[in-house]
Amino acid sequence: MFTFTSSDGLEIHVHEWPAPGEPRGIVQISHGMGEHAARYAHLAERLNRLGYAVYADDHRGHGHTMKGTPGDLGANGWNLLVEDMVALSRIVRERHPGVPLVLVGHSLGSFAAQQYVLDYADLLAGVALSGTTAVDALMERIIASGGDLLSFFNAPFQPSRTDADWLSRDESQVDAYIADPWCGFAIDDASTGDLAVAAAERLAAPSSVRPALPVYVMVGEEDVLNAGLSHSDLVVQRYRTAGLTDLTYRTYPGARHEILNETNRDEVESDLVAWITRVTG
């Protein structure tokens, strides 16, 4: 693990899984809300075995980077979280000059990746969005439901075994999430508001994304964030309307939100790895 200093002085902690020898590519992972980068070790180690160097920061307000209240991103925290991802990309590109870089974002990390590629797609050989959604449409549904996130997320899975049943059909993964003291919280209200503004004003019209950027959208068909795939369909349509020419959309029947921790995660990982291998050449 190493750290770098963000533009506001915060020390960002980065997990690294080095490749055995000179890497064939770099994969940067952007984790979701209320979790941390170490949860992606399984994917990182698989990529290592194939010759990829993998890096993942603990976002501000999360994991080793957490300062104070869990989920508190600080002033202008949402936009700084995205800037931190860009800064890490530049660091790893300097470490491995000329090596293609792929960004993999899950859930909140995929929302940040959606914002990242509006301005910095030239840093990337491709971006994969896991458990992603049309954030503006999702927020409208959450507000209409009364705004209680836990109740909203778990509502389709009643009677539920736990408050986190919406994450995965794999009970062992759900139980590990619940037992993890660095999991299970939301980001602060101000940052949620900044994300909502970005979703409405920028993410909904991604016309500034480089048209040739390979984009991979991967979601579970039972992911509550997507209202029966209608929101992920909208994400894909928005990218098509923006003129993107290399767009892959993969859905998994029965799978819930954390498809990389689902009962069929080997299939999900294999599909993702095959796409990464293609776009990194």
Protein backbone atom coordinates (compact mmCIF):
# COMPACT_ATOMS: atom_id res chain seq x y z
CA MET A 1 0.00 0.00 0.00
CA PHE A 2 1.13 3.55 -0.68
CA THR A 3 -0.38 7.02 -0.27
CA PHE A 4 -0.55 10.22 -2.25
CA THR A 5 -1.76 13.67 -1.24
CA SER A 6 -4.99 14.94 -2.74
CA SER A 7 -5.42 18.57 -3.83
CA ASP A 8 -7.08 19.39 -0.47
CA GLY A 9 -4.27 17.81 1.56
CA LEU A 10 -5.99 14.49 2.33
CA GLU A 11 -3.78 11.40 2.24
CA ILE A 12 -5.32 8.86 -0.16
CA HIS A 13 -4.42 5.24 0.58
CA VAL A 14 -3.90 2.95 -2.40
CA HIS A 15 -3.86 -0.85 -2.47
CA GLU A 16 -1.56 -2.37 -5.06
CA TRP A 17 -1.31 -5.88 -6.47
CA PRO A 18 1.89 -5.95 -8.57
CA ALA A 19 2.16 -7.97 -11.74
CA PRO A 20 4.78 -10.74 -11.90
CA GLY A 21 7.27 -8.92 -14.09
CA GLU A 22 6.56 -6.15 -16.57
CA PRO A 23 2.76 -5.74 -16.75
CA ARG A 24 0.81 -6.25 -19.97
CA GLY A 25 -1.73 -3.73 -18.69
CA ILE A 26 -2.91 -1.78 -15.65
CA VAL A 27 -6.33 -2.11 -14.04
CA GLN A 28 -7.52 0.60 -11.66
CA ILE A 29 -10.49 -0.36 -9.48
CA SER A 30 -12.94 2.18 -8.05
CA HIS A 31 -14.97 0.64 -5.23
CA GLY A 32 -18.56 1.37 -4.23
CA MET A 33 -20.23 3.28 -1.40
CA GLY A 34 -19.83 2.02 2.12
CA GLU A 35 -17.07 -0.50 1.33
CA HIS A 36 -13.34 -0.48 0.56
CA ALA A 37 -10.80 -1.58 -2.02
CA ALA A 38 -9.58 -4.72 -0.24
CA ARG A 39 -12.89 -6.39 -1.09
CA TYR A 40 -11.66 -6.61 -4.70
CA ALA A 41 -8.60 -8.75 -3.89
CA HIS A 42 -10.13 -11.80 -5.58
CA LEU A 43 -10.44 -10.00 -8.92
CA ALA A 44 -7.07 -8.29 -8.50
CA GLU A 45 -5.26 -11.56 -7.85
CA ARG A 46 -6.87 -13.16 -10.90
CA LEU A 47 -5.73 -10.23 -13.03
CA ASN A 48 -2.21 -10.49 -11.52
CA ARG A 49 -1.96 -14.09 -12.68
CA LEU A 50 -2.68 -12.87 -16.21
CA GLY A 51 0.05 -10.25 -16.07
CA TYR A 52 -1.88 -7.13 -15.03
CA ALA A 53 -0.82 -4.65 -12.35
CA VAL A 54 -3.83 -3.65 -10.24
CA TYR A 55 -4.35 -0.53 -8.14
CA ALA A 56 -7.35 0.60 -6.07
CA ASP A 57 -7.63 3.57 -3.76
CA ASP A 58 -9.79 3.62 -0.67
CA HIS A 59 -11.98 6.60 -1.55
CA ARG A 60 -12.13 9.56 0.81
CA GLY A 61 -14.52 8.73 3.65
CA HIS A 62 -13.80 5.00 3.20
CA GLY A 63 -11.36 2.35 4.37
CA HIS A 64 -7.83 3.46 5.26
CA THR A 65 -8.54 6.92 3.82
CA MET A 66 -11.44 7.48 6.23
CA LYS A 67 -10.98 10.45 8.53
CA GLY A 68 -13.70 10.85 11.16
CA THR A 69 -17.26 9.83 10.30
CA PRO A 70 -17.65 6.98 7.78
CA GLY A 71 -18.88 8.33 4.47
CA ASP A 72 -17.91 11.95 5.17
CA LEU A 73 -16.16 13.02 1.97
CA GLY A 74 -15.45 16.56 3.19
CA ALA A 75 -16.03 19.87 1.42
CA ASN A 76 -16.59 19.38 -2.31
CA GLY A 77 -15.99 15.73 -1.53
CA TRP A 78 -17.77 14.17 -4.49
CA ASN A 79 -15.81 16.10 -7.10
CA LEU A 80 -12.57 15.58 -5.18
CA LEU A 81 -13.24 11.82 -5.07
CA VAL A 82 -13.32 11.85 -8.88
CA GLU A 83 -10.19 14.02 -8.99
CA ASP A 84 -8.43 11.52 -6.70
CA MET A 85 -9.18 8.75 -9.22
CA VAL A 86 -7.70 10.85 -12.03
CA ALA A 87 -4.62 11.58 -9.91
CA LEU A 88 -4.12 7.86 -9.24
CA SER A 89 -4.42 7.13 -12.96
CA ARG A 90 -1.65 9.60 -13.68
CA ILE A 91 0.55 8.10 -10.95
CA VAL A 92 0.21 4.53 -12.25
CA ARG A 93 0.73 5.63 -15.86
CA GLU A 94 4.00 7.26 -14.77
CA ARG A 95 4.98 4.04 -13.01
CA HIS A 96 4.26 2.01 -16.14
CA PRO A 97 4.87 4.27 -19.16
CA GLY A 98 3.26 3.12 -22.38
CA VAL A 99 1.17 0.42 -20.66
CA PRO A 100 -2.61 0.57 -21.33
CA LEU A 101 -4.84 1.45 -18.37
CA VAL A 102 -8.40 0.22 -17.81
CA LEU A 103 -10.69 1.69 -15.14
CA VAL A 104 -13.20 -0.65 -13.45
CA GLY A 105 -15.80 1.09 -11.29
CA HIS A 106 -18.50 -0.56 -9.19
CA SER A 107 -21.71 1.14 -8.03
CA LEU A 108 -20.73 4.55 -6.58
CA GLY A 109 -17.30 3.96 -8.09
CA SER A 110 -18.98 3.51 -11.46
CA PHE A 111 -20.84 6.81 -11.01
CA ALA A 112 -17.47 8.44 -10.37
CA ALA A 113 -16.11 6.68 -13.46
CA GLN A 114 -19.01 8.08 -15.50
CA GLN A 115 -17.91 11.57 -14.43
CA TYR A 116 -14.19 10.79 -14.88
CA VAL A 117 -14.56 9.85 -18.57
CA LEU A 118 -16.36 13.10 -19.43
CA ASP A 119 -13.05 14.95 -19.07
CA TYR A 120 -10.21 12.42 -18.84
CA ALA A 121 -11.06 9.51 -21.15
CA ASP A 122 -7.75 10.01 -22.96
CA LEU A 123 -5.98 8.48 -19.95
CA LEU A 124 -7.80 5.18 -20.49
CA ALA A 125 -7.81 2.22 -22.86
CA GLY A 126 -11.32 1.42 -21.60
CA VAL A 127 -13.79 1.75 -18.74
CA ALA A 128 -15.94 -0.98 -17.18
CA LEU A 129 -19.04 -0.02 -15.18
CA SER A 130 -20.28 -2.67 -12.73
CA GLY A 131 -23.57 -2.35 -10.85
CA THR A 132 -24.03 0.98 -12.57
CA THR A 133 -27.19 2.95 -13.29
CA ALA A 134 -28.60 6.21 -14.60
CA VAL A 135 -27.97 8.10 -11.37
CA ASP A 136 -30.55 10.82 -12.00
CA ALA A 137 -33.29 8.23 -12.58
CA LEU A 138 -32.25 6.24 -9.50
CA MET A 139 -32.32 9.31 -7.28
CA GLU A 140 -35.80 10.23 -8.48
CA ARG A 141 -36.99 6.75 -7.45
CA ILE A 142 -35.29 6.96 -4.05
CA ILE A 143 -36.85 10.34 -3.32
CA ALA A 144 -40.28 9.11 -4.43
CA SER A 145 -39.96 6.14 -2.06
CA GLY A 146 -39.36 8.39 0.95
CA GLY A 147 -35.58 8.43 0.94
CA ASP A 148 -34.83 5.51 3.31
CA LEU A 149 -31.99 3.76 1.47
CA LEU A 150 -32.03 0.44 3.36
CA SER A 151 -35.76 0.03 2.96
CA PHE A 152 -35.56 1.04 -0.71
CA PHE A 153 -32.74 -1.35 -1.58
CA ASN A 154 -34.12 -4.36 0.26
CA ALA A 155 -37.80 -3.87 -0.66
CA PRO A 156 -37.81 -6.33 -3.63
CA PHE A 157 -36.34 -9.11 -1.49
CA GLN A 158 -38.95 -9.43 1.26
CA PRO A 159 -39.12 -11.40 3.44
CA SER A 160 -35.42 -10.68 3.84
CA ARG A 161 -32.83 -12.55 5.87
CA THR A 162 -30.72 -9.40 6.45
CA ASP A 163 -30.73 -5.70 5.59
CA ALA A 164 -28.13 -6.42 2.89
CA ASP A 165 -29.91 -9.15 0.93
CA TRP A 166 -30.06 -6.78 -2.05
CA LEU A 167 -26.30 -7.15 -2.54
CA SER A 168 -26.05 -10.81 -3.56
CA ARG A 169 -27.69 -14.22 -3.55
CA ASP A 170 -24.50 -15.55 -1.91
CA GLU A 171 -25.31 -15.52 1.81
CA SER A 172 -21.65 -15.88 2.80
CA GLN A 173 -20.78 -12.71 0.90
CA VAL A 174 -23.70 -10.84 2.48
CA ASP A 175 -22.67 -11.99 5.95
CA ALA A 176 -19.04 -10.96 5.34
CA TYR A 177 -20.22 -7.50 4.28
CA ILE A 178 -22.37 -7.13 7.41
CA ALA A 179 -19.50 -8.28 9.65
CA ASP A 180 -17.01 -5.86 8.08
CA PRO A 181 -16.73 -2.68 10.21
CA TRP A 182 -15.74 -0.71 7.08
CA CYS A 183 -18.91 -1.60 5.20
CA GLY A 184 -22.55 -0.59 5.30
CA PHE A 185 -22.84 3.21 5.35
CA ALA A 186 -23.87 6.01 3.00
CA ILE A 187 -21.95 9.10 1.92
CA ASP A 188 -22.77 12.41 3.59
CA ASP A 189 -25.74 14.53 2.50
CA ALA A 190 -23.68 17.32 0.94
CA SER A 191 -21.76 14.88 -1.25
CA THR A 192 -24.97 13.13 -2.21
CA GLY A 193 -26.30 16.52 -3.29
CA ASP A 194 -23.18 17.20 -5.37
CA LEU A 195 -23.55 13.78 -7.01
CA ALA A 196 -27.20 14.57 -7.79
CA VAL A 197 -26.19 17.83 -9.46
CA ALA A 198 -23.49 16.08 -11.49
CA ALA A 199 -25.94 13.33 -12.47
CA ALA A 200 -28.54 15.78 -13.76
CA GLU A 201 -26.21 18.29 -15.38
CA ARG A 202 -23.39 16.11 -16.72
CA LEU A 203 -23.82 12.32 -16.49
CA ALA A 204 -27.20 12.40 -18.24
CA ALA A 205 -25.63 13.82 -21.41
CA PRO A 206 -22.18 12.24 -21.88
CA SER A 207 -21.48 13.91 -25.22
CA SER A 208 -17.91 14.87 -24.25
CA VAL A 209 -16.72 11.25 -23.90
CA ARG A 210 -14.17 10.22 -26.53
CA PRO A 211 -16.29 8.30 -29.09
CA ALA A 212 -13.74 5.50 -29.54
CA LEU A 213 -13.45 4.77 -25.78
CA PRO A 214 -14.38 1.12 -25.14
CA VAL A 215 -17.13 0.97 -22.51
CA TYR A 216 -18.32 -2.20 -20.77
CA VAL A 217 -21.59 -2.12 -18.77
CA MET A 218 -22.19 -5.14 -16.53
CA VAL A 219 -25.21 -5.48 -14.23
CA GLY A 220 -27.38 -8.05 -12.51
CA GLU A 221 -30.91 -8.33 -13.82
CA GLU A 222 -32.22 -8.24 -10.23
CA ASP A 223 -30.13 -5.21 -9.24
CA VAL A 224 -32.55 -2.91 -7.42
CA LEU A 225 -30.61 0.14 -8.63
CA ASN A 226 -31.86 -0.48 -12.16
CA ALA A 227 -35.63 -1.05 -11.90
CA GLY A 228 -35.67 -4.15 -14.06
CA LEU A 229 -32.75 -2.95 -16.24
CA SER A 230 -34.59 0.19 -17.33
CA HIS A 231 -31.92 2.49 -15.86
CA SER A 232 -28.90 0.54 -17.13
CA ASP A 233 -30.63 0.43 -20.52
CA LEU A 234 -30.80 4.22 -20.30
CA VAL A 235 -27.06 4.48 -19.51
CA VAL A 236 -26.26 2.40 -22.59
CA GLN A 237 -28.63 4.42 -24.77
CA ARG A 238 -27.06 7.67 -23.59
CA TYR A 239 -23.62 6.43 -24.61
CA ARG A 240 -24.94 5.30 -27.97
CA THR A 241 -26.55 8.69 -28.52
CA ALA A 242 -23.21 10.30 -27.61
CA GLY A 243 -21.65 8.39 -30.50
CA LEU A 244 -19.61 5.75 -28.67
CA THR A 245 -18.60 3.04 -31.10
CA ASP A 246 -17.25 0.26 -28.82
CA LEU A 247 -19.98 -0.46 -26.29
CA THR A 248 -20.58 -3.84 -24.61
CA TYR A 249 -23.65 -4.43 -22.41
CA ARG A 250 -23.84 -7.64 -20.38
CA THR A 251 -26.62 -8.58 -17.95
CA TYR A 252 -26.80 -11.58 -15.63
CA PRO A 253 -30.18 -13.27 -14.91
CA GLY A 254 -30.99 -13.56 -11.21
CA ALA A 255 -27.92 -11.61 -10.11
CA ARG A 256 -28.28 -8.73 -7.67
CA HIS A 257 -26.14 -5.63 -7.13
CA GLU A 258 -22.64 -6.93 -6.34
CA ILE A 259 -22.13 -9.10 -9.40
CA LEU A 260 -18.45 -9.56 -8.53
CA ASN A 261 -19.60 -11.19 -5.26
CA GLU A 262 -22.49 -13.17 -6.72
CA THR A 263 -23.03 -16.93 -6.90
CA ASN A 264 -21.84 -16.80 -10.53
CA ARG A 265 -18.89 -14.48 -9.92
CA ASP A 266 -16.49 -16.77 -11.81
CA GLU A 267 -18.58 -16.21 -14.94
CA VAL A 268 -18.78 -12.47 -14.29
CA GLU A 269 -15.02 -12.21 -13.73
CA SER A 270 -14.24 -14.32 -16.79
CA ASP A 271 -16.37 -12.08 -19.01
CA LEU A 272 -14.75 -8.95 -17.56
CA VAL A 273 -11.23 -10.34 -17.93
CA ALA A 274 -11.92 -11.30 -21.55
CA TRP A 275 -13.06 -7.73 -22.27
CA ILE A 276 -10.01 -6.22 -20.49
CA THR A 277 -7.72 -8.52 -22.48
CA ARG A 278 -9.33 -7.36 -25.73
CA VAL A 279 -9.14 -3.63 -25.06
CA THR A 280 -5.56 -3.76 -23.75
CA GLY A 281 -4.43 -5.72 -26.81
